[in-house]
Amino acid sequence: MSIIQADAQGNNAGEIHNVYGKGIWNWKAHYTRFVVQPNVASIRIRFAVGGEVGAYLDMDQVRLRLLNTQGNLNLVHYEYNQSNEVKRIIYPNGKIVEIEYDANGNQVQRKIVKE
């Protein structure tokens, strides 16, 4: 499998080539990690069988997942209400916390809705 990186003008900005097992792709492989160069605007994923998948196509159930700058998946997701107050926090382990506010914007309740 190859990851082809391109800049905003479509110029090649780097390639990463992975060989699995004895030179064949293992369709049961769960993931591969790669670092995108700072000037990269798009990527293409090319499989050894000749197929090519972009981030917009899920033909082979390809999923791209953003890692943070420390290289781990410990990202906390925040959702906001119409007053731009945090209404929900979703932690990497799946825990979800919801927060409620009164009319003055004071936090009145914080509850765990999923442990």
C-alpha atoms as a PDB file:
ATOM      1  CA  MET A   1       0.000   0.000   0.000  1.00  0.00           C
ATOM      2  CA  SER A   2       1.236   3.500  -0.798  1.00  0.00           C
ATOM      3  CA  ILE A   3       0.231   6.882   0.604  1.00  0.00           C
ATOM      4  CA  ILE A   4       0.773   9.607  -2.013  1.00  0.00           C
ATOM      5  CA  GLN A   5       0.800  13.142  -0.633  1.00  0.00           C
ATOM      6  CA  ALA A   6       0.181  16.232  -2.781  1.00  0.00           C
ATOM      7  CA  ASP A   7       0.442  19.970  -2.166  1.00  0.00           C
ATOM      8  CA  ALA A   8      -2.293  22.486  -3.061  1.00  0.00           C
ATOM      9  CA  GLN A   9      -1.116  22.572  -6.712  1.00  0.00           C
ATOM     10  CA  GLY A  10      -1.244  18.771  -6.998  1.00  0.00           C
ATOM     11  CA  ASN A  11       2.524  18.310  -6.970  1.00  0.00           C
ATOM     12  CA  ASN A  12       3.911  15.201  -5.287  1.00  0.00           C
ATOM     13  CA  ALA A  13       4.871  16.132  -1.717  1.00  0.00           C
ATOM     14  CA  GLY A  14       6.043  12.682  -0.653  1.00  0.00           C
ATOM     15  CA  GLU A  15       5.189   9.012  -0.769  1.00  0.00           C
ATOM     16  CA  ILE A  16       5.064   6.344   1.905  1.00  0.00           C
ATOM     17  CA  HIS A  17       5.210   2.695   0.843  1.00  0.00           C
ATOM     18  CA  ASN A  18       4.202  -0.159   3.138  1.00  0.00           C
ATOM     19  CA  VAL A  19       4.872  -3.829   2.474  1.00  0.00           C
ATOM     20  CA  TYR A  20       2.954  -6.335   4.562  1.00  0.00           C
ATOM     21  CA  GLY A  21       3.965  -9.888   5.290  1.00  0.00           C
ATOM     22  CA  LYS A  22       5.710 -11.433   2.294  1.00  0.00           C
ATOM     23  CA  GLY A  23       5.038  -8.483   0.027  1.00  0.00           C
ATOM     24  CA  ILE A  24       1.282  -8.938  -0.035  1.00  0.00           C
ATOM     25  CA  TRP A  25      -1.423  -6.770   1.516  1.00  0.00           C
ATOM     26  CA  ASN A  26      -3.225  -8.333   4.457  1.00  0.00           C
ATOM     27  CA  TRP A  27      -6.878  -7.367   3.994  1.00  0.00           C
ATOM     28  CA  LYS A  28      -7.489  -8.027   7.684  1.00  0.00           C
ATOM     29  CA  ALA A  29      -4.939  -5.428   8.770  1.00  0.00           C
ATOM     30  CA  HIS A  30      -6.687  -3.033  11.114  1.00  0.00           C
ATOM     31  CA  TYR A  31      -4.643   0.118  10.601  1.00  0.00           C
ATOM     32  CA  THR A  32      -1.529   1.785   9.345  1.00  0.00           C
ATOM     33  CA  ARG A  33      -0.140   5.066  10.605  1.00  0.00           C
ATOM     34  CA  PHE A  34       1.602   7.744   8.600  1.00  0.00           C
ATOM     35  CA  VAL A  35       2.713  11.327   9.061  1.00  0.00           C
ATOM     36  CA  VAL A  36       1.454  13.918   6.602  1.00  0.00           C
ATOM     37  CA  GLN A  37       3.954  16.612   5.648  1.00  0.00           C
ATOM     38  CA  PRO A  38       3.020  20.196   6.684  1.00  0.00           C
ATOM     39  CA  ASN A  39       2.482  21.410   3.093  1.00  0.00           C
ATOM     40  CA  VAL A  40       0.159  18.532   2.118  1.00  0.00           C
ATOM     41  CA  ALA A  41      -3.335  19.453   0.909  1.00  0.00           C
ATOM     42  CA  SER A  42      -4.543  15.971  -0.108  1.00  0.00           C
ATOM     43  CA  ILE A  43      -3.599  12.316   0.011  1.00  0.00           C
ATOM     44  CA  ARG A  44      -4.269   9.249  -2.144  1.00  0.00           C
ATOM     45  CA  ILE A  45      -4.120   5.675  -0.922  1.00  0.00           C
ATOM     46  CA  ARG A  46      -2.948   3.188  -3.537  1.00  0.00           C
ATOM     47  CA  PHE A  47      -3.303  -0.526  -2.920  1.00  0.00           C
ATOM     48  CA  ALA A  48      -0.891  -3.085  -4.339  1.00  0.00           C
ATOM     49  CA  VAL A  49      -3.686  -4.554  -6.438  1.00  0.00           C
ATOM     50  CA  GLY A  50      -3.793  -1.326  -8.428  1.00  0.00           C
ATOM     51  CA  GLY A  51      -6.848   0.244  -6.851  1.00  0.00           C
ATOM     52  CA  GLU A  52      -6.696   3.772  -5.553  1.00  0.00           C
ATOM     53  CA  VAL A  53      -8.844   5.275  -2.843  1.00  0.00           C
ATOM     54  CA  GLY A  54      -9.155   8.905  -1.813  1.00  0.00           C
ATOM     55  CA  ALA A  55     -10.455  10.217   1.466  1.00  0.00           C
ATOM     56  CA  TYR A  56     -13.857  10.665  -0.195  1.00  0.00           C
ATOM     57  CA  LEU A  57     -14.309   7.016  -1.240  1.00  0.00           C
ATOM     58  CA  ASP A  58     -15.004   4.170   1.172  1.00  0.00           C
ATOM     59  CA  MET A  59     -14.948   1.289  -1.306  1.00  0.00           C
ATOM     60  CA  ASP A  60     -12.710  -0.861   0.896  1.00  0.00           C
ATOM     61  CA  GLN A  61     -13.943   0.613   4.181  1.00  0.00           C
ATOM     62  CA  VAL A  62     -10.922   2.899   4.368  1.00  0.00           C
ATOM     63  CA  ARG A  63     -11.209   5.300   7.259  1.00  0.00           C
ATOM     64  CA  LEU A  64      -8.846   8.152   7.956  1.00  0.00           C
ATOM     65  CA  ARG A  65      -8.438   9.237  11.538  1.00  0.00           C
ATOM     66  CA  LEU A  66      -6.677  12.401  12.588  1.00  0.00           C
ATOM     67  CA  LEU A  67      -4.009  12.072  15.248  1.00  0.00           C
ATOM     68  CA  ASN A  68      -3.098  15.074  17.322  1.00  0.00           C
ATOM     69  CA  THR A  69       0.338  16.675  17.180  1.00  0.00           C
ATOM     70  CA  GLN A  70       1.595  14.416  19.950  1.00  0.00           C
ATOM     71  CA  GLY A  71       0.795  11.396  17.773  1.00  0.00           C
ATOM     72  CA  ASN A  72      -1.906   9.805  19.904  1.00  0.00           C
ATOM     73  CA  LEU A  73      -5.666   9.552  19.779  1.00  0.00           C
ATOM     74  CA  ASN A  74      -6.341  11.275  23.102  1.00  0.00           C
ATOM     75  CA  LEU A  75      -8.543  13.955  21.599  1.00  0.00           C
ATOM     76  CA  VAL A  76     -11.413  15.382  23.621  1.00  0.00           C
ATOM     77  CA  HIS A  77     -14.392  16.569  21.557  1.00  0.00           C
ATOM     78  CA  TYR A  78     -16.424  19.566  22.747  1.00  0.00           C
ATOM     79  CA  GLU A  79     -19.918  20.490  21.549  1.00  0.00           C
ATOM     80  CA  TYR A  80     -21.339  23.964  22.135  1.00  0.00           C
ATOM     81  CA  ASN A  81     -24.836  25.393  22.516  1.00  0.00           C
ATOM     82  CA  GLN A  82     -26.191  28.520  20.788  1.00  0.00           C
ATOM     83  CA  SER A  83     -24.663  30.706  23.526  1.00  0.00           C
ATOM     84  CA  ASN A  84     -21.227  29.202  22.772  1.00  0.00           C
ATOM     85  CA  GLU A  85     -21.143  27.361  26.113  1.00  0.00           C
ATOM     86  CA  VAL A  86     -19.824  23.800  26.315  1.00  0.00           C
ATOM     87  CA  LYS A  87     -22.890  21.550  26.338  1.00  0.00           C
ATOM     88  CA  ARG A  88     -21.260  18.139  25.811  1.00  0.00           C
ATOM     89  CA  ILE A  89     -17.784  16.683  26.301  1.00  0.00           C
ATOM     90  CA  ILE A  90     -16.870  13.411  24.603  1.00  0.00           C
ATOM     91  CA  TYR A  91     -13.721  11.729  25.896  1.00  0.00           C
ATOM     92  CA  PRO A  92     -11.513   9.289  23.923  1.00  0.00           C
ATOM     93  CA  ASN A  93     -12.667   6.366  26.094  1.00  0.00           C
ATOM     94  CA  GLY A  94     -16.307   7.032  25.078  1.00  0.00           C
ATOM     95  CA  LYS A  95     -17.373   8.790  28.275  1.00  0.00           C
ATOM     96  CA  ILE A  96     -19.887  11.583  27.612  1.00  0.00           C
ATOM     97  CA  VAL A  97     -20.599  14.466  29.981  1.00  0.00           C
ATOM     98  CA  GLU A  98     -23.464  16.909  29.417  1.00  0.00           C
ATOM     99  CA  ILE A  99     -23.572  20.363  30.978  1.00  0.00           C
ATOM    100  CA  GLU A 100     -26.658  22.531  31.550  1.00  0.00           C
ATOM    101  CA  TYR A 101     -26.786  26.275  32.213  1.00  0.00           C
ATOM    102  CA  ASP A 102     -29.361  28.676  33.601  1.00  0.00           C
ATOM    103  CA  ALA A 103     -30.590  31.779  31.742  1.00  0.00           C
ATOM    104  CA  ASN A 104     -27.626  33.786  33.090  1.00  0.00           C
ATOM    105  CA  GLY A 105     -25.060  31.325  31.727  1.00  0.00           C
ATOM    106  CA  ASN A 106     -24.224  29.781  35.106  1.00  0.00           C
ATOM    107  CA  GLN A 107     -23.521  26.064  35.098  1.00  0.00           C
ATOM    108  CA  VAL A 108     -26.360  24.363  36.991  1.00  0.00           C
ATOM    109  CA  GLN A 109     -25.828  20.705  36.172  1.00  0.00           C
ATOM    110  CA  ARG A 110     -23.048  18.464  34.974  1.00  0.00           C
ATOM    111  CA  LYS A 111     -23.991  14.831  34.418  1.00  0.00           C
ATOM    112  CA  ILE A 112     -22.331  11.751  33.006  1.00  0.00           C
ATOM    113  CA  VAL A 113     -24.661  10.310  30.365  1.00  0.00           C
ATOM    114  CA  LYS A 114     -22.320   7.544  29.246  1.00  0.00           C
ATOM    115  CA  GLU A 115     -19.636   5.994  31.404  1.00  0.00           C
END
